[in-house]
Amino acid sequence: MARAPLWSTNSDWILFGFGAFPVFTGIRMFTHKDEEPNPEENKVFQFISKRFQVTKQLHGRNFTVKQPDPKTGKIVTRLTPLAVALIMVEVVDLVFAVDSVPAVFAVTQDTFIVYTSNIFAILGLRSLYFAPAATMNRFRYLQVSLAIIPVLVGIKIFLVPLHIHIDTLLSLLVTISILAGGIIFSLYKTRNEPDVSAEERPETGQL
């Protein structure tokens, strides 16, 4: 009796590439967890700065502004920092979408579910960002948990072409446990530290 191939000859091999991406993302998050972000070192920012003229100051809500070129004196169109910020945010959305596709493939390969789940993920990304961003001084160890989860997702995707299926409920429980562990450990380690948001609040005499 002939053995079934480890993966089909159509598109299962793509899952190996999809699995490598979250593994790489998780490892990079863990190795760079203590680094402060520097926008000027961002590849997207460097790409924009080399190919477009960017103003140093904001110009209201304008994304572009016409100013004379200091070298030629001609009126040229320049990008404002607001336009650069918008481009970088949209690039992050695209990266997030690419990173989300492998995660969905680890659960299902239904085209409708893959498409709609990523649409809703992108729509909720920015709004959900502000919730943890306001309390990251207390959740400083949460990034370690967030780095472990993509690695586990990548491993699960690697197992799909090998016909090794991990129960979805088990994956959900493991994910929730890792996130809860990061949150609880962070709250315990920072229990005696002051609230940064309270320190930065202006003293107006009001609570």
N, C-alpha and C. Protein backbone atom coordinates (compact mmCIF):
# COMPACT_ATOMS: atom_id res chain seq x y z
N MET A 1 0.85 -1.20 0.00
CA MET A 1 0.00 0.00 0.00
C MET A 1 0.89 1.25 0.00
N ALA A 2 0.67 2.09 -1.01
CA ALA A 2 1.51 3.28 -1.14
C ALA A 2 1.13 4.32 -0.10
N ARG A 3 2.11 5.00 0.43
CA ARG A 3 1.88 6.04 1.42
C ARG A 3 1.47 7.32 0.73
N ALA A 4 0.61 8.06 1.40
CA ALA A 4 0.19 9.35 0.85
C ALA A 4 1.34 10.34 0.98
N PRO A 5 1.48 11.24 0.01
CA PRO A 5 2.56 12.22 0.09
C PRO A 5 2.39 13.13 1.29
N LEU A 6 3.52 13.63 1.78
CA LEU A 6 3.46 14.51 2.94
C LEU A 6 2.69 15.79 2.64
N TRP A 7 2.74 16.25 1.41
CA TRP A 7 1.96 17.41 1.03
C TRP A 7 1.54 17.24 -0.41
N SER A 8 0.44 17.85 -0.77
CA SER A 8 -0.07 17.72 -2.12
C SER A 8 0.76 18.54 -3.07
N THR A 9 0.58 18.29 -4.35
CA THR A 9 1.39 18.96 -5.36
C THR A 9 0.79 20.27 -5.82
N ASN A 10 -0.32 20.70 -5.22
CA ASN A 10 -0.95 21.94 -5.69
C ASN A 10 -0.45 23.16 -4.94
N SER A 11 -0.98 23.39 -3.76
CA SER A 11 -0.63 24.64 -3.06
C SER A 11 -0.21 24.43 -1.62
N ASP A 12 -0.11 23.19 -1.17
CA ASP A 12 0.26 22.98 0.24
C ASP A 12 1.66 23.47 0.55
N TRP A 13 2.52 23.47 -0.47
CA TRP A 13 3.90 23.91 -0.22
C TRP A 13 3.96 25.38 0.17
N ILE A 14 2.92 26.15 -0.24
CA ILE A 14 2.90 27.57 0.11
C ILE A 14 2.81 27.75 1.63
N LEU A 15 2.20 26.78 2.30
CA LEU A 15 2.04 26.89 3.75
C LEU A 15 3.38 26.91 4.46
N PHE A 16 4.41 26.29 3.88
CA PHE A 16 5.74 26.34 4.50
C PHE A 16 6.26 27.78 4.52
N GLY A 17 6.01 28.49 3.41
CA GLY A 17 6.41 29.91 3.39
C GLY A 17 5.58 30.73 4.33
N PHE A 18 4.27 30.45 4.39
CA PHE A 18 3.41 31.16 5.32
C PHE A 18 3.80 30.87 6.77
N GLY A 19 4.22 29.65 7.04
CA GLY A 19 4.62 29.31 8.40
C GLY A 19 5.92 29.96 8.82
N ALA A 20 6.83 30.16 7.85
CA ALA A 20 8.12 30.77 8.18
C ALA A 20 7.97 32.23 8.57
N PHE A 21 6.97 32.90 8.01
CA PHE A 21 6.82 34.34 8.26
C PHE A 21 6.48 34.64 9.72
N PRO A 22 5.45 34.00 10.32
CA PRO A 22 5.19 34.29 11.74
C PRO A 22 6.30 33.83 12.67
N VAL A 23 7.01 32.75 12.30
CA VAL A 23 8.15 32.31 13.13
C VAL A 23 9.22 33.39 13.13
N PHE A 24 9.53 33.91 11.94
CA PHE A 24 10.51 34.99 11.84
C PHE A 24 10.05 36.23 12.61
N THR A 25 8.75 36.55 12.49
CA THR A 25 8.20 37.71 13.19
C THR A 25 8.33 37.56 14.70
N GLY A 26 7.98 36.38 15.21
CA GLY A 26 8.06 36.15 16.65
C GLY A 26 9.48 36.22 17.18
N ILE A 27 10.42 35.62 16.45
CA ILE A 27 11.83 35.67 16.88
C ILE A 27 12.35 37.09 16.87
N ARG A 28 11.97 37.85 15.83
CA ARG A 28 12.43 39.24 15.75
C ARG A 28 11.82 40.08 16.87
N MET A 29 10.56 39.85 17.20
CA MET A 29 9.94 40.58 18.31
C MET A 29 10.66 40.28 19.61
N PHE A 30 11.05 39.04 19.83
CA PHE A 30 11.71 38.67 21.08
C PHE A 30 13.11 39.25 21.16
N THR A 31 13.85 39.23 20.07
CA THR A 31 15.23 39.71 20.09
C THR A 31 15.32 41.24 20.12
N HIS A 32 14.24 41.93 19.73
CA HIS A 32 14.24 43.40 19.71
C HIS A 32 13.27 43.98 20.73
N LYS A 33 12.92 43.20 21.76
CA LYS A 33 11.89 43.64 22.70
C LYS A 33 12.32 44.83 23.54
N ASP A 34 13.62 45.02 23.75
CA ASP A 34 14.10 46.10 24.62
C ASP A 34 14.55 47.33 23.84
N GLU A 35 14.41 47.32 22.54
CA GLU A 35 14.86 48.44 21.73
C GLU A 35 13.77 49.51 21.64
N GLU A 36 14.20 50.77 21.73
CA GLU A 36 13.27 51.88 21.56
C GLU A 36 13.08 52.14 20.07
N PRO A 37 11.84 52.29 19.60
CA PRO A 37 11.62 52.53 18.17
C PRO A 37 12.18 53.87 17.73
N ASN A 38 12.84 53.88 16.59
CA ASN A 38 13.40 55.10 16.02
C ASN A 38 12.86 55.24 14.60
N PRO A 39 11.92 56.16 14.37
CA PRO A 39 11.31 56.28 13.04
C PRO A 39 12.32 56.55 11.93
N GLU A 40 13.41 57.26 12.25
CA GLU A 40 14.38 57.58 11.21
C GLU A 40 15.14 56.36 10.72
N GLU A 41 15.14 55.28 11.49
CA GLU A 41 15.79 54.04 11.05
C GLU A 41 14.82 53.11 10.34
N ASN A 42 13.56 53.51 10.26
CA ASN A 42 12.57 52.69 9.59
C ASN A 42 12.83 52.69 8.08
N LYS A 43 12.75 51.52 7.46
CA LYS A 43 13.02 51.39 6.03
C LYS A 43 12.03 52.17 5.19
N VAL A 44 10.78 52.20 5.61
CA VAL A 44 9.76 52.94 4.87
C VAL A 44 10.05 54.43 4.93
N PHE A 45 10.41 54.92 6.12
CA PHE A 45 10.74 56.34 6.27
C PHE A 45 11.96 56.70 5.42
N GLN A 46 12.97 55.86 5.43
CA GLN A 46 14.16 56.12 4.63
C GLN A 46 13.84 56.11 3.14
N PHE A 47 12.96 55.20 2.71
CA PHE A 47 12.56 55.14 1.30
C PHE A 47 11.86 56.42 0.89
N ILE A 48 10.93 56.90 1.74
CA ILE A 48 10.19 58.11 1.42
C ILE A 48 11.12 59.32 1.41
N SER A 49 12.03 59.40 2.38
CA SER A 49 12.92 60.56 2.48
C SER A 49 13.87 60.67 1.30
N LYS A 50 14.26 59.53 0.73
CA LYS A 50 15.19 59.55 -0.41
C LYS A 50 14.51 59.94 -1.72
N ARG A 51 13.22 59.66 -1.83
CA ARG A 51 12.54 59.86 -3.11
C ARG A 51 11.58 61.04 -3.12
N PHE A 52 11.30 61.60 -1.95
CA PHE A 52 10.40 62.74 -1.87
C PHE A 52 10.99 63.78 -0.93
N GLN A 53 10.64 65.02 -1.18
CA GLN A 53 11.02 66.09 -0.26
C GLN A 53 9.97 66.18 0.84
N VAL A 54 10.42 66.16 2.07
CA VAL A 54 9.53 66.17 3.22
C VAL A 54 9.81 67.41 4.05
N THR A 55 8.74 68.11 4.42
CA THR A 55 8.91 69.30 5.25
C THR A 55 9.23 68.91 6.69
N LYS A 56 9.79 69.82 7.42
CA LYS A 56 10.13 69.57 8.83
C LYS A 56 8.95 69.85 9.74
N GLN A 57 8.04 70.73 9.32
CA GLN A 57 6.92 71.11 10.16
C GLN A 57 5.61 70.63 9.55
N LEU A 58 4.61 70.50 10.42
CA LEU A 58 3.26 70.20 9.97
C LEU A 58 2.64 71.44 9.33
N HIS A 59 1.75 71.23 8.39
CA HIS A 59 1.03 72.32 7.74
C HIS A 59 -0.47 72.03 7.85
N GLY A 60 -0.95 72.15 9.08
CA GLY A 60 -2.34 71.87 9.33
C GLY A 60 -2.67 70.41 9.05
N ARG A 61 -3.74 70.22 8.29
CA ARG A 61 -4.15 68.86 7.91
C ARG A 61 -3.71 68.51 6.49
N ASN A 62 -2.84 69.31 5.93
CA ASN A 62 -2.41 69.07 4.55
C ASN A 62 -1.40 67.93 4.49
N PHE A 63 -1.55 67.10 3.47
CA PHE A 63 -0.59 66.03 3.23
C PHE A 63 0.55 66.49 2.33
N THR A 64 0.28 67.48 1.53
CA THR A 64 1.32 68.05 0.65
C THR A 64 1.27 69.57 0.75
N VAL A 65 2.37 70.19 0.40
CA VAL A 65 2.46 71.65 0.40
C VAL A 65 3.43 72.07 -0.70
N LYS A 66 3.14 73.17 -1.35
CA LYS A 66 4.00 73.69 -2.41
C LYS A 66 4.93 74.74 -1.83
N GLN A 67 6.23 74.53 -2.00
CA GLN A 67 7.25 75.44 -1.49
C GLN A 67 8.37 75.59 -2.52
N PRO A 68 9.09 76.70 -2.46
CA PRO A 68 10.21 76.86 -3.40
C PRO A 68 11.38 75.94 -3.03
N ASP A 69 11.99 75.34 -4.04
CA ASP A 69 13.16 74.50 -3.82
C ASP A 69 14.35 75.38 -3.44
N PRO A 70 15.07 75.07 -2.34
CA PRO A 70 16.18 75.92 -1.92
C PRO A 70 17.33 75.95 -2.94
N LYS A 71 17.44 74.95 -3.78
CA LYS A 71 18.53 74.91 -4.75
C LYS A 71 18.17 75.59 -6.07
N THR A 72 16.99 75.30 -6.59
CA THR A 72 16.60 75.83 -7.90
C THR A 72 15.66 77.01 -7.81
N GLY A 73 14.96 77.17 -6.70
CA GLY A 73 14.00 78.25 -6.55
C GLY A 73 12.65 77.94 -7.16
N LYS A 74 12.52 76.80 -7.81
CA LYS A 74 11.25 76.42 -8.42
C LYS A 74 10.27 75.94 -7.35
N ILE A 75 9.01 76.14 -7.63
CA ILE A 75 7.96 75.68 -6.72
C ILE A 75 7.81 74.17 -6.89
N VAL A 76 7.98 73.45 -5.81
CA VAL A 76 7.86 71.99 -5.85
C VAL A 76 6.84 71.55 -4.79
N THR A 77 6.34 70.37 -4.98
CA THR A 77 5.38 69.79 -4.04
C THR A 77 6.13 68.91 -3.04
N ARG A 78 5.93 69.19 -1.77
CA ARG A 78 6.58 68.42 -0.72
C ARG A 78 5.56 67.69 0.13
N LEU A 79 5.99 66.58 0.66
CA LEU A 79 5.15 65.86 1.60
C LEU A 79 5.30 66.46 2.99
N THR A 80 4.23 66.45 3.75
CA THR A 80 4.29 66.89 5.14
C THR A 80 4.51 65.67 6.03
N PRO A 81 4.96 65.88 7.28
CA PRO A 81 5.09 64.74 8.20
C PRO A 81 3.79 63.97 8.39
N LEU A 82 2.65 64.65 8.22
CA LEU A 82 1.37 63.95 8.34
C LEU A 82 1.21 62.92 7.23
N ALA A 83 1.66 63.26 6.01
CA ALA A 83 1.59 62.31 4.90
C ALA A 83 2.52 61.13 5.15
N VAL A 84 3.71 61.39 5.68
CA VAL A 84 4.65 60.32 5.97
C VAL A 84 4.08 59.38 7.03
N ALA A 85 3.46 59.96 8.06
CA ALA A 85 2.85 59.13 9.10
C ALA A 85 1.73 58.26 8.53
N LEU A 86 0.92 58.83 7.63
CA LEU A 86 -0.16 58.07 7.02
C LEU A 86 0.38 56.91 6.19
N ILE A 87 1.41 57.15 5.41
CA ILE A 87 1.99 56.09 4.58
C ILE A 87 2.54 54.97 5.45
N MET A 88 3.23 55.34 6.53
CA MET A 88 3.81 54.33 7.41
C MET A 88 2.73 53.51 8.10
N VAL A 89 1.63 54.16 8.49
CA VAL A 89 0.53 53.44 9.13
C VAL A 89 -0.08 52.45 8.15
N GLU A 90 -0.25 52.87 6.88
CA GLU A 90 -0.85 51.98 5.89
C GLU A 90 0.08 50.81 5.58
N VAL A 91 1.38 51.05 5.58
CA VAL A 91 2.32 49.95 5.37
C VAL A 91 2.23 48.95 6.52
N VAL A 92 2.08 49.47 7.74
CA VAL A 92 1.90 48.58 8.90
C VAL A 92 0.64 47.74 8.73
N ASP A 93 -0.43 48.36 8.20
CA ASP A 93 -1.67 47.61 7.96
C ASP A 93 -1.43 46.47 6.97
N LEU A 94 -0.66 46.73 5.92
CA LEU A 94 -0.37 45.70 4.94
C LEU A 94 0.47 44.57 5.54
N VAL A 95 1.47 44.95 6.34
CA VAL A 95 2.30 43.93 6.99
C VAL A 95 1.46 43.10 7.94
N PHE A 96 0.57 43.77 8.66
CA PHE A 96 -0.31 43.05 9.58
C PHE A 96 -1.20 42.07 8.82
N ALA A 97 -1.69 42.50 7.64
CA ALA A 97 -2.53 41.61 6.84
C ALA A 97 -1.75 40.40 6.36
N VAL A 98 -0.52 40.64 5.90
CA VAL A 98 0.31 39.52 5.43
C VAL A 98 0.61 38.57 6.58
N ASP A 99 0.81 39.14 7.76
CA ASP A 99 1.11 38.31 8.93
C ASP A 99 -0.13 37.55 9.41
N SER A 100 -1.32 38.10 9.12
CA SER A 100 -2.55 37.46 9.57
C SER A 100 -2.97 36.30 8.68
N VAL A 101 -2.62 36.38 7.40
CA VAL A 101 -3.03 35.31 6.48
C VAL A 101 -2.50 33.94 6.91
N PRO A 102 -1.20 33.81 7.25
CA PRO A 102 -0.73 32.50 7.72
C PRO A 102 -1.45 32.04 8.99
N ALA A 103 -1.78 32.97 9.88
CA ALA A 103 -2.46 32.58 11.11
C ALA A 103 -3.83 31.99 10.81
N VAL A 104 -4.53 32.54 9.82
CA VAL A 104 -5.84 32.01 9.44
C VAL A 104 -5.70 30.64 8.79
N PHE A 105 -4.65 30.47 7.97
CA PHE A 105 -4.44 29.19 7.30
C PHE A 105 -4.17 28.07 8.31
N ALA A 106 -3.68 28.46 9.49
CA ALA A 106 -3.46 27.44 10.51
C ALA A 106 -4.76 26.91 11.08
N VAL A 107 -5.86 27.66 10.87
CA VAL A 107 -7.16 27.25 11.40
C VAL A 107 -8.05 26.69 10.30
N THR A 108 -8.10 27.40 9.15
CA THR A 108 -8.97 26.99 8.06
C THR A 108 -8.39 27.44 6.73
N GLN A 109 -8.79 26.79 5.65
CA GLN A 109 -8.41 27.19 4.31
C GLN A 109 -9.63 27.60 3.49
N ASP A 110 -10.72 27.85 4.18
CA ASP A 110 -11.93 28.35 3.51
C ASP A 110 -11.69 29.78 3.04
N THR A 111 -11.87 30.02 1.75
CA THR A 111 -11.56 31.32 1.17
C THR A 111 -12.36 32.44 1.80
N PHE A 112 -13.64 32.22 2.03
CA PHE A 112 -14.51 33.25 2.60
C PHE A 112 -14.05 33.64 4.01
N ILE A 113 -13.74 32.64 4.83
CA ILE A 113 -13.31 32.92 6.21
C ILE A 113 -11.96 33.62 6.22
N VAL A 114 -11.04 33.19 5.36
CA VAL A 114 -9.72 33.82 5.29
C VAL A 114 -9.85 35.29 4.92
N TYR A 115 -10.68 35.57 3.93
CA TYR A 115 -10.85 36.95 3.45
C TYR A 115 -11.52 37.84 4.49
N THR A 116 -12.68 37.39 4.99
CA THR A 116 -13.44 38.24 5.91
C THR A 116 -12.73 38.43 7.24
N SER A 117 -12.04 37.40 7.74
CA SER A 117 -11.36 37.53 9.02
C SER A 117 -10.24 38.57 8.94
N ASN A 118 -9.54 38.61 7.82
CA ASN A 118 -8.48 39.60 7.67
C ASN A 118 -9.02 41.01 7.49
N ILE A 119 -10.16 41.14 6.81
CA ILE A 119 -10.78 42.46 6.67
C ILE A 119 -11.17 43.01 8.04
N PHE A 120 -11.81 42.19 8.86
CA PHE A 120 -12.22 42.65 10.19
C PHE A 120 -11.01 42.90 11.09
N ALA A 121 -9.94 42.12 10.90
CA ALA A 121 -8.73 42.32 11.70
C ALA A 121 -8.11 43.68 11.39
N ILE A 122 -8.06 44.04 10.10
CA ILE A 122 -7.48 45.33 9.72
C ILE A 122 -8.34 46.48 10.22
N LEU A 123 -9.66 46.32 10.13
CA LEU A 123 -10.56 47.39 10.58
C LEU A 123 -10.43 47.63 12.08
N GLY A 124 -10.17 46.58 12.85
CA GLY A 124 -10.08 46.75 14.29
C GLY A 124 -8.68 46.97 14.82
N LEU A 125 -7.69 46.94 13.94
CA LEU A 125 -6.30 47.03 14.39
C LEU A 125 -6.02 48.35 15.09
N ARG A 126 -6.37 49.46 14.46
CA ARG A 126 -6.01 50.77 15.02
C ARG A 126 -6.78 51.06 16.29
N SER A 127 -8.07 50.72 16.29
CA SER A 127 -8.87 51.00 17.49
C SER A 127 -8.40 50.17 18.68
N LEU A 128 -8.00 48.93 18.45
CA LEU A 128 -7.52 48.10 19.54
C LEU A 128 -6.13 48.50 20.00
N TYR A 129 -5.40 49.21 19.15
CA TYR A 129 -4.03 49.60 19.51
C TYR A 129 -4.02 50.50 20.73
N PHE A 130 -4.96 51.44 20.80
CA PHE A 130 -4.92 52.45 21.84
C PHE A 130 -5.18 51.87 23.23
N ALA A 131 -5.89 50.74 23.30
CA ALA A 131 -6.17 50.14 24.61
C ALA A 131 -4.90 49.65 25.29
N PRO A 132 -4.08 48.79 24.66
CA PRO A 132 -2.84 48.38 25.33
C PRO A 132 -1.78 49.47 25.36
N ALA A 133 -1.81 50.40 24.37
CA ALA A 133 -0.79 51.45 24.32
C ALA A 133 -0.87 52.34 25.56
N ALA A 134 -2.08 52.53 26.10
CA ALA A 134 -2.24 53.41 27.26
C ALA A 134 -1.74 52.76 28.55
N THR A 135 -1.57 51.45 28.54
CA THR A 135 -1.18 50.75 29.77
C THR A 135 0.07 49.91 29.58
N MET A 136 0.87 50.18 28.55
CA MET A 136 2.04 49.36 28.28
C MET A 136 3.10 49.48 29.37
N ASN A 137 3.05 50.55 30.18
CA ASN A 137 4.00 50.64 31.28
C ASN A 137 3.77 49.54 32.31
N ARG A 138 2.52 49.03 32.40
CA ARG A 138 2.22 47.94 33.30
C ARG A 138 2.36 46.58 32.62
N PHE A 139 2.23 46.54 31.30
CA PHE A 139 2.27 45.28 30.56
C PHE A 139 3.60 45.13 29.82
N ARG A 140 4.68 45.44 30.47
CA ARG A 140 5.98 45.44 29.80
C ARG A 140 6.44 44.04 29.39
N TYR A 141 5.94 43.01 30.07
CA TYR A 141 6.33 41.64 29.72
C TYR A 141 5.34 40.98 28.75
N LEU A 142 4.34 41.73 28.35
CA LEU A 142 3.35 41.18 27.43
C LEU A 142 3.97 40.92 26.05
N GLN A 143 4.98 41.71 25.68
CA GLN A 143 5.59 41.53 24.37
C GLN A 143 6.25 40.16 24.23
N VAL A 144 6.73 39.61 25.34
CA VAL A 144 7.32 38.27 25.29
C VAL A 144 6.24 37.25 24.91
N SER A 145 5.06 37.41 25.51
CA SER A 145 3.95 36.52 25.16
C SER A 145 3.55 36.69 23.71
N LEU A 146 3.51 37.95 23.27
CA LEU A 146 3.14 38.21 21.88
C LEU A 146 4.18 37.70 20.91
N ALA A 147 5.42 37.52 21.35
CA ALA A 147 6.46 36.97 20.49
C ALA A 147 6.38 35.45 20.42
N ILE A 148 5.89 34.83 21.48
CA ILE A 148 5.78 33.36 21.50
C ILE A 148 4.64 32.89 20.61
N ILE A 149 3.54 33.63 20.60
CA ILE A 149 2.35 33.18 19.87
C ILE A 149 2.60 33.04 18.37
N PRO A 150 3.24 34.02 17.67
CA PRO A 150 3.49 33.80 16.24
C PRO A 150 4.36 32.59 15.95
N VAL A 151 5.32 32.30 16.85
CA VAL A 151 6.16 31.12 16.65
C VAL A 151 5.31 29.85 16.71
N LEU A 152 4.39 29.78 17.68
CA LEU A 152 3.53 28.62 17.79
C LEU A 152 2.59 28.51 16.59
N VAL A 153 2.11 29.66 16.11
CA VAL A 153 1.25 29.66 14.92
C VAL A 153 2.02 29.15 13.71
N GLY A 154 3.27 29.60 13.57
CA GLY A 154 4.09 29.14 12.45
C GLY A 154 4.34 27.64 12.50
N ILE A 155 4.58 27.13 13.70
CA ILE A 155 4.79 25.69 13.85
C ILE A 155 3.53 24.92 13.48
N LYS A 156 2.37 25.45 13.87
CA LYS A 156 1.11 24.79 13.53
C LYS A 156 0.90 24.77 12.02
N ILE A 157 1.28 25.87 11.35
CA ILE A 157 1.14 25.92 9.89
C ILE A 157 2.07 24.92 9.23
N PHE A 158 3.28 24.77 9.76
CA PHE A 158 4.22 23.78 9.22
C PHE A 158 3.63 22.37 9.27
N LEU A 159 2.83 22.11 10.30
CA LEU A 159 2.29 20.76 10.49
C LEU A 159 1.11 20.45 9.58
N VAL A 160 0.47 21.49 9.01
CA VAL A 160 -0.70 21.26 8.16
C VAL A 160 -0.36 20.44 6.92
N PRO A 161 0.69 20.80 6.13
CA PRO A 161 1.01 19.96 4.97
C PRO A 161 1.47 18.55 5.34
N LEU A 162 1.90 18.36 6.58
CA LEU A 162 2.33 17.04 7.04
C LEU A 162 1.16 16.23 7.58
N HIS A 163 -0.05 16.80 7.42
CA HIS A 163 -1.29 16.13 7.84
C HIS A 163 -1.31 15.87 9.36
N ILE A 164 -0.72 16.79 10.10
CA ILE A 164 -0.77 16.74 11.57
C ILE A 164 -1.65 17.91 12.02
N HIS A 165 -2.80 17.60 12.56
CA HIS A 165 -3.77 18.63 12.92
C HIS A 165 -3.82 18.81 14.43
N ILE A 166 -3.68 20.06 14.85
CA ILE A 166 -3.82 20.41 16.27
C ILE A 166 -5.19 21.01 16.47
N ASP A 167 -5.91 20.52 17.44
CA ASP A 167 -7.27 20.95 17.68
C ASP A 167 -7.34 22.46 17.89
N THR A 168 -8.34 23.08 17.26
CA THR A 168 -8.49 24.53 17.34
C THR A 168 -8.74 24.99 18.78
N LEU A 169 -9.55 24.25 19.52
CA LEU A 169 -9.82 24.61 20.91
C LEU A 169 -8.56 24.57 21.74
N LEU A 170 -7.71 23.57 21.50
CA LEU A 170 -6.45 23.48 22.23
C LEU A 170 -5.56 24.67 21.89
N SER A 171 -5.50 25.05 20.62
CA SER A 171 -4.70 26.21 20.22
C SER A 171 -5.22 27.48 20.88
N LEU A 172 -6.55 27.61 20.96
CA LEU A 172 -7.13 28.80 21.59
C LEU A 172 -6.80 28.85 23.07
N LEU A 173 -6.89 27.72 23.74
CA LEU A 173 -6.57 27.68 25.17
C LEU A 173 -5.11 28.01 25.43
N VAL A 174 -4.23 27.48 24.59
CA VAL A 174 -2.80 27.78 24.75
C VAL A 174 -2.53 29.26 24.53
N THR A 175 -3.16 29.84 23.49
CA THR A 175 -2.97 31.26 23.20
C THR A 175 -3.46 32.14 24.36
N ILE A 176 -4.65 31.82 24.87
CA ILE A 176 -5.19 32.60 25.99
C ILE A 176 -4.31 32.44 27.23
N SER A 177 -3.79 31.25 27.45
CA SER A 177 -2.93 31.01 28.62
C SER A 177 -1.64 31.81 28.52
N ILE A 178 -1.06 31.87 27.32
CA ILE A 178 0.19 32.62 27.14
C ILE A 178 -0.06 34.11 27.35
N LEU A 179 -1.14 34.63 26.78
CA LEU A 179 -1.45 36.05 26.96
C LEU A 179 -1.76 36.36 28.42
N ALA A 180 -2.55 35.51 29.07
CA ALA A 180 -2.88 35.73 30.48
C ALA A 180 -1.64 35.65 31.35
N GLY A 181 -0.75 34.71 31.03
CA GLY A 181 0.49 34.61 31.80
C GLY A 181 1.34 35.86 31.68
N GLY A 182 1.43 36.42 30.45
CA GLY A 182 2.20 37.65 30.27
C GLY A 182 1.59 38.82 31.01
N ILE A 183 0.26 38.91 31.00
CA ILE A 183 -0.42 40.01 31.68
C ILE A 183 -0.28 39.89 33.20
N ILE A 184 -0.51 38.71 33.73
CA ILE A 184 -0.44 38.50 35.18
C ILE A 184 0.98 38.73 35.69
N PHE A 185 1.97 38.19 34.97
CA PHE A 185 3.36 38.37 35.40
C PHE A 185 3.76 39.84 35.33
N SER A 186 3.28 40.56 34.29
CA SER A 186 3.59 41.98 34.18
C SER A 186 2.98 42.77 35.32
N LEU A 187 1.72 42.49 35.63
CA LEU A 187 1.07 43.20 36.72
C LEU A 187 1.75 42.91 38.06
N TYR A 188 2.23 41.69 38.22
CA TYR A 188 2.90 41.33 39.48
C TYR A 188 4.25 42.05 39.60
N LYS A 189 5.01 42.08 38.52
CA LYS A 189 6.34 42.69 38.56
C LYS A 189 6.27 44.22 38.68
N THR A 190 5.18 44.82 38.18
CA THR A 190 5.08 46.29 38.20
C THR A 190 4.06 46.77 39.23
N ARG A 191 3.73 45.94 40.20
CA ARG A 191 2.68 46.28 41.15
C ARG A 191 3.04 47.48 42.02
N ASN A 192 4.33 47.72 42.25
CA ASN A 192 4.75 48.84 43.10
C ASN A 192 5.19 50.06 42.32
N GLU A 193 5.06 50.01 41.00
CA GLU A 193 5.49 51.14 40.18
C GLU A 193 4.32 52.10 39.98
N PRO A 194 4.62 53.41 39.91
CA PRO A 194 3.54 54.40 39.72
C PRO A 194 2.98 54.31 38.32
N ASP A 195 1.76 54.80 38.17
CA ASP A 195 1.09 54.83 36.88
C ASP A 195 1.68 55.98 36.06
N VAL A 196 2.25 55.67 34.90
CA VAL A 196 2.87 56.70 34.07
C VAL A 196 1.85 57.72 33.60
N SER A 197 0.66 57.24 33.27
CA SER A 197 -0.37 58.17 32.80
C SER A 197 -0.73 59.19 33.87
N ALA A 198 -0.68 58.77 35.16
CA ALA A 198 -0.98 59.69 36.25
C ALA A 198 0.13 60.71 36.43
N GLU A 199 1.38 60.29 36.20
CA GLU A 199 2.50 61.19 36.34
C GLU A 199 2.49 62.26 35.24
N GLU A 200 2.09 61.85 34.03
CA GLU A 200 2.12 62.77 32.92
C GLU A 200 0.90 63.68 32.85
N ARG A 201 -0.11 63.40 33.71
CA ARG A 201 -1.31 64.23 33.69
C ARG A 201 -0.99 65.60 34.30
N PRO A 202 -1.34 66.69 33.61
CA PRO A 202 -1.05 68.03 34.13
C PRO A 202 -1.76 68.28 35.45
N GLU A 203 -1.09 68.99 36.33
CA GLU A 203 -1.65 69.29 37.65
C GLU A 203 -2.60 70.47 37.53
N THR A 204 -3.88 70.16 37.40
CA THR A 204 -4.89 71.22 37.26
C THR A 204 -5.73 71.39 38.50
N GLY A 205 -5.41 70.56 39.55
CA GLY A 205 -6.20 70.65 40.77
C GLY A 205 -7.44 69.80 40.72
N GLN A 206 -7.59 69.02 39.56
CA GLN A 206 -8.74 68.16 39.43
C GLN A 206 -8.29 66.72 39.41
N LEU A 207 -9.18 65.81 39.80
CA LEU A 207 -8.89 64.39 39.78
C LEU A 207 -8.97 63.88 38.36
